[in-house]
Amino acid sequence: MKITFQGHSCFSVESSSGSIIIDPFLTGNPQAVAKASDIKVDAVLVTHGHADHLGDAVEIATANSAPIIAPFELVNYCAAKGAGGHPMHIGGGYDFGFGRVKLTIAHHGSTAYEGDVATAVGNPCGLLVTMDGRTVYHAGDTGLFADMALIGETNAIDCALLPIGDNFTMGIDDAVRAVGMLKPKVVVPMHYNTFDVIEQDPKEFEAKLADSATEVRILAPGESLEL
C-alpha cells in the first residue's frame, strides 16, 4: 500500500486492488502539488462537508466515474451536483472492489457552503480503510475522544492520519494521547500549517512520541510512504 500526502488532510492511497483519494481539497489549497485533473482513482472518500475537505470531490468523482463514499446526507448533497455515490453512516462498513471502508465517529461539524448559503450535510466521520491487508485510519477533523481506545482495540491500525493543527481539531498534545489509544504502527500528522490559525511544528509532535512504539512520519505534500 502506498499513501501519498496531498496537503492539508488530503491523501491518495494506492494498492494492488485499486486507488482512492480522501478529502480531496486541491483547488485553493496552498500546500497542494497535484491538481484535481491529475487524480485517477476508483473512489473518493470524504469525511465531512467543509470546503477544505469536500474540496474537488464532485469534480474528481465525475471525471473518474467514481463513487463518493461519505455519510448519507453528504452523498445526497453531492449527488444533487451530478456525482455518483455510495452513502454510509457511522459504525457501518462495506466491502468495495478496492477494499473495505468503515465509518467512525468524529467530533466536529459538517456544513457545505455555496456563497453565503449554508447546507447541513449530516455528521462528520473518520474512516477506517483496509486495502491489501493493511488498515489506515483517517481521523477526519476531530477533537480527542475516549472511544479512540476502542478503535485501537478492535482494529490493527497500520497507519493513523491525525490532525494536529489545534483551534478546529486536536492539537499536538491531544494527538499524542490519541496515538497512545489507537496504537498504530505509523502515524502521519495532518491538518496543520495550511492557514495561519493552525500553524504547528510537526517536529514537536514527533519529539513527544520519541518513546512511543509508533513511528512518526512527517510527509511533505507529494511525498509518500509504503506500508
Protein backbone atom coordinates (compact mmCIF):
# COMPACT_ATOMS: atom_id res chain seq x y z
CA MET A 1 0.00 0.00 0.00
CA LYS A 2 1.26 3.44 -0.95
CA ILE A 3 -0.01 6.53 0.90
CA THR A 4 0.69 9.94 -0.63
CA PHE A 5 0.12 13.19 1.26
CA GLN A 6 -1.55 15.76 -0.98
CA GLY A 7 -1.54 18.58 1.58
CA HIS A 8 -3.81 19.57 4.49
CA SER A 9 -5.92 16.43 5.15
CA CYS A 10 -5.87 15.01 1.64
CA PHE A 11 -4.25 11.64 0.96
CA SER A 12 -4.15 9.31 -2.01
CA VAL A 13 -3.98 5.58 -1.24
CA GLU A 14 -2.93 3.03 -3.85
CA SER A 15 -2.75 -0.75 -3.65
CA SER A 16 -2.89 -3.75 -5.97
CA SER A 17 -6.69 -3.72 -5.58
CA GLY A 18 -7.30 -0.09 -6.53
CA SER A 19 -6.82 3.53 -5.59
CA ILE A 20 -8.73 6.16 -3.60
CA ILE A 21 -8.40 9.77 -2.53
CA ILE A 22 -9.54 11.09 0.85
CA ASP A 23 -10.76 14.66 1.48
CA PRO A 24 -9.60 16.00 -1.91
CA PHE A 25 -9.00 19.66 -1.14
CA LEU A 26 -6.65 20.54 -4.01
CA THR A 27 -8.03 23.64 -5.75
CA GLY A 28 -7.31 26.58 -3.47
CA ASN A 29 -5.07 24.52 -1.18
CA PRO A 30 -1.77 26.41 -0.79
CA GLN A 31 0.00 23.15 0.09
CA ALA A 32 -1.22 21.07 -2.83
CA VAL A 33 1.18 19.94 -5.53
CA ALA A 34 -1.32 17.90 -7.55
CA LYS A 35 -4.28 19.30 -9.46
CA ALA A 36 -7.76 17.79 -9.45
CA SER A 37 -7.32 16.93 -13.14
CA ASP A 38 -4.24 14.82 -12.24
CA ILE A 39 -6.18 12.47 -9.99
CA LYS A 40 -7.12 9.00 -11.25
CA VAL A 41 -8.98 6.93 -8.65
CA ASP A 42 -11.62 4.26 -8.11
CA ALA A 43 -13.39 6.14 -5.31
CA VAL A 44 -13.46 9.47 -3.49
CA LEU A 45 -13.84 9.34 0.31
CA VAL A 46 -14.98 12.43 2.21
CA THR A 47 -15.12 12.85 6.00
CA HIS A 48 -17.37 15.93 6.13
CA GLY A 49 -18.72 18.85 4.14
CA HIS A 50 -16.35 21.69 4.95
CA ALA A 51 -14.72 23.16 1.85
CA ASP A 52 -11.19 22.22 2.94
CA HIS A 53 -12.25 18.54 2.90
CA LEU A 54 -15.05 18.21 0.34
CA GLY A 55 -12.87 20.25 -1.98
CA ASP A 56 -12.82 18.83 -5.52
CA ALA A 57 -14.74 15.66 -4.64
CA VAL A 58 -17.57 16.18 -7.13
CA GLU A 59 -15.21 17.07 -9.98
CA ILE A 60 -12.86 14.15 -9.32
CA ALA A 61 -15.71 11.67 -8.88
CA THR A 62 -17.38 12.81 -12.09
CA ALA A 63 -14.17 12.77 -14.14
CA ASN A 64 -13.32 9.25 -12.95
CA SER A 65 -16.86 7.82 -12.93
CA ALA A 66 -16.02 7.01 -9.32
CA PRO A 67 -18.40 7.00 -6.35
CA ILE A 68 -18.19 9.45 -3.49
CA ILE A 69 -18.16 7.42 -0.27
CA ALA A 70 -19.30 9.51 2.69
CA PRO A 71 -22.11 9.88 5.25
CA PHE A 72 -25.60 9.59 3.74
CA GLU A 73 -26.52 13.28 3.75
CA LEU A 74 -23.23 14.36 2.21
CA VAL A 75 -23.52 11.81 -0.58
CA ASN A 76 -27.02 13.09 -1.33
CA TYR A 77 -25.67 16.66 -1.46
CA CYS A 78 -23.00 15.57 -3.97
CA ALA A 79 -25.48 13.52 -5.97
CA ALA A 80 -27.58 16.64 -6.49
CA LYS A 81 -24.49 18.10 -8.19
CA GLY A 82 -24.18 15.16 -10.55
CA ALA A 83 -21.76 12.86 -8.72
CA GLY A 84 -22.35 9.17 -8.14
CA GLY A 85 -22.08 7.96 -4.60
CA HIS A 86 -22.30 5.21 -2.03
CA PRO A 87 -23.94 6.50 1.17
CA MET A 88 -22.84 5.12 4.54
CA HIS A 89 -23.15 6.06 8.18
CA ILE A 90 -21.14 5.89 11.37
CA GLY A 91 -20.49 2.36 12.57
CA GLY A 92 -21.22 0.87 9.17
CA GLY A 93 -18.71 -0.85 6.92
CA TYR A 94 -18.81 -2.03 3.32
CA ASP A 95 -16.62 -4.12 1.04
CA PHE A 96 -15.76 -2.35 -2.21
CA GLY A 97 -13.66 -3.61 -5.11
CA PHE A 98 -10.63 -1.68 -3.84
CA GLY A 99 -11.06 -2.70 -0.18
CA ARG A 100 -13.19 -2.20 2.93
CA VAL A 101 -14.36 1.13 4.38
CA LYS A 102 -15.85 1.63 7.84
CA LEU A 103 -17.03 4.98 9.21
CA THR A 104 -16.16 6.03 12.76
CA ILE A 105 -17.31 8.92 14.89
CA ALA A 106 -15.58 12.30 14.74
CA HIS A 107 -16.34 15.31 16.92
CA HIS A 108 -16.63 18.26 14.56
CA GLY A 109 -19.20 19.88 12.23
CA SER A 110 -20.30 19.27 8.66
CA THR A 111 -21.74 22.15 6.68
CA ALA A 112 -21.30 22.88 2.99
CA TYR A 113 -21.30 26.49 1.78
CA GLU A 114 -22.19 27.94 -1.60
CA GLY A 115 -21.54 31.63 -1.26
CA ASP A 116 -23.47 32.71 1.82
CA VAL A 117 -25.82 29.73 1.71
CA ALA A 118 -25.05 27.01 4.27
CA THR A 119 -26.33 23.46 3.95
CA ALA A 120 -26.09 20.93 6.77
CA VAL A 121 -24.78 17.69 5.33
CA GLY A 122 -25.04 15.24 8.20
CA ASN A 123 -22.49 14.07 10.72
CA PRO A 124 -18.72 14.25 10.28
CA CYS A 125 -16.84 10.97 10.38
CA GLY A 126 -13.49 9.26 10.48
CA LEU A 127 -12.53 6.45 8.11
CA LEU A 128 -11.03 3.00 8.55
CA VAL A 129 -9.81 1.85 5.15
CA THR A 130 -8.44 -1.66 4.62
CA MET A 131 -6.65 -2.49 1.36
CA ASP A 132 -4.27 -5.38 0.68
CA GLY A 133 -4.46 -6.44 4.32
CA ARG A 134 -3.32 -3.02 5.62
CA THR A 135 -5.57 -0.69 7.60
CA VAL A 136 -5.38 3.11 7.55
CA TYR A 137 -7.33 5.27 9.99
CA HIS A 138 -8.07 8.79 8.76
CA ALA A 139 -9.50 10.62 11.75
CA GLY A 140 -11.07 13.44 9.76
CA ASP A 141 -11.41 16.69 11.66
CA THR A 142 -11.95 15.78 15.28
CA GLY A 143 -11.21 16.52 18.87
CA LEU A 144 -9.81 13.83 21.12
CA PHE A 145 -12.39 11.29 22.27
CA ALA A 146 -12.17 8.30 24.59
CA ASP A 147 -13.56 5.83 22.05
CA MET A 148 -10.30 6.12 20.13
CA ALA A 149 -9.19 3.45 22.59
CA LEU A 150 -11.98 1.19 21.32
CA ILE A 151 -10.99 1.88 17.72
CA GLY A 152 -7.43 0.87 18.61
CA GLU A 153 -8.56 -2.25 20.47
CA THR A 154 -10.78 -3.54 17.66
CA ASN A 155 -8.55 -2.67 14.70
CA ALA A 156 -4.90 -3.41 13.95
CA ILE A 157 -4.07 0.04 12.57
CA ASP A 158 -1.03 0.12 10.33
CA CYS A 159 -1.14 3.89 9.79
CA ALA A 160 -3.10 6.65 11.53
CA LEU A 161 -3.58 10.04 9.87
CA LEU A 162 -4.22 12.50 12.70
CA PRO A 163 -4.87 16.26 12.80
CA ILE A 164 -2.50 18.31 14.96
CA GLY A 165 -3.43 21.86 13.97
CA ASP A 166 -5.41 22.81 17.10
CA ASN A 167 -8.14 25.51 17.04
CA PHE A 168 -10.51 23.44 14.83
CA THR A 169 -9.22 19.96 15.76
CA MET A 170 -6.89 18.20 18.15
CA GLY A 171 -3.66 19.97 18.90
CA ILE A 172 -0.32 18.26 19.36
CA ASP A 173 -0.80 17.12 22.96
CA ASP A 174 -4.23 15.63 22.28
CA ALA A 175 -2.94 13.94 19.13
CA VAL A 176 -0.14 12.38 21.19
CA ARG A 177 -2.78 10.99 23.56
CA ALA A 178 -4.74 9.71 20.54
CA VAL A 179 -1.68 7.76 19.40
CA GLY A 180 -1.50 6.13 22.82
CA MET A 181 -5.09 4.94 22.48
CA LEU A 182 -5.01 3.95 18.81
CA LYS A 183 -1.61 2.22 18.92
CA PRO A 184 -0.88 2.47 15.18
CA LYS A 185 2.39 1.21 13.75
CA VAL A 186 2.89 4.55 11.96
CA VAL A 187 1.30 7.97 12.45
CA VAL A 188 1.28 10.86 9.97
CA PRO A 189 0.31 14.35 11.20
CA MET A 190 -2.11 16.34 9.06
CA HIS A 191 -4.35 19.44 9.11
CA TYR A 192 -1.62 21.89 10.13
CA ASN A 193 0.20 24.89 8.59
CA THR A 194 -2.30 25.29 5.75
CA PHE A 195 -3.55 28.51 7.33
CA ASP A 196 -2.09 30.80 9.99
CA VAL A 197 -4.61 29.77 12.64
CA ILE A 198 -3.46 26.12 12.52
CA GLU A 199 0.29 26.69 12.46
CA GLN A 200 2.10 23.91 14.34
CA ASP A 201 5.55 22.33 14.38
CA PRO A 202 5.26 18.64 13.46
CA LYS A 203 8.75 18.09 14.89
CA GLU A 204 7.28 18.83 18.32
CA PHE A 205 4.69 16.11 17.73
CA GLU A 206 7.46 13.74 16.68
CA ALA A 207 9.58 14.60 19.74
CA LYS A 208 6.70 13.96 22.13
CA LEU A 209 6.34 10.47 20.67
CA ALA A 210 10.04 9.67 20.79
CA ASP A 211 9.50 6.95 23.41
CA SER A 212 6.41 5.52 21.69
CA ALA A 213 6.33 2.26 19.77
CA THR A 214 4.63 4.21 16.98
CA GLU A 215 6.82 5.58 14.19
CA VAL A 216 6.13 9.21 13.26
CA ARG A 217 6.36 10.04 9.57
CA ILE A 218 6.18 13.72 8.63
CA LEU A 219 5.32 13.97 4.95
CA ALA A 220 5.70 16.96 2.66
CA PRO A 221 2.95 17.43 0.05
CA GLY A 222 3.60 14.98 -2.76
CA GLU A 223 5.65 12.68 -0.53
CA SER A 224 4.65 9.04 0.00
CA LEU A 225 5.17 6.15 2.41
CA GLU A 226 4.85 2.44 1.76
CA LEU A 227 3.20 0.01 4.16
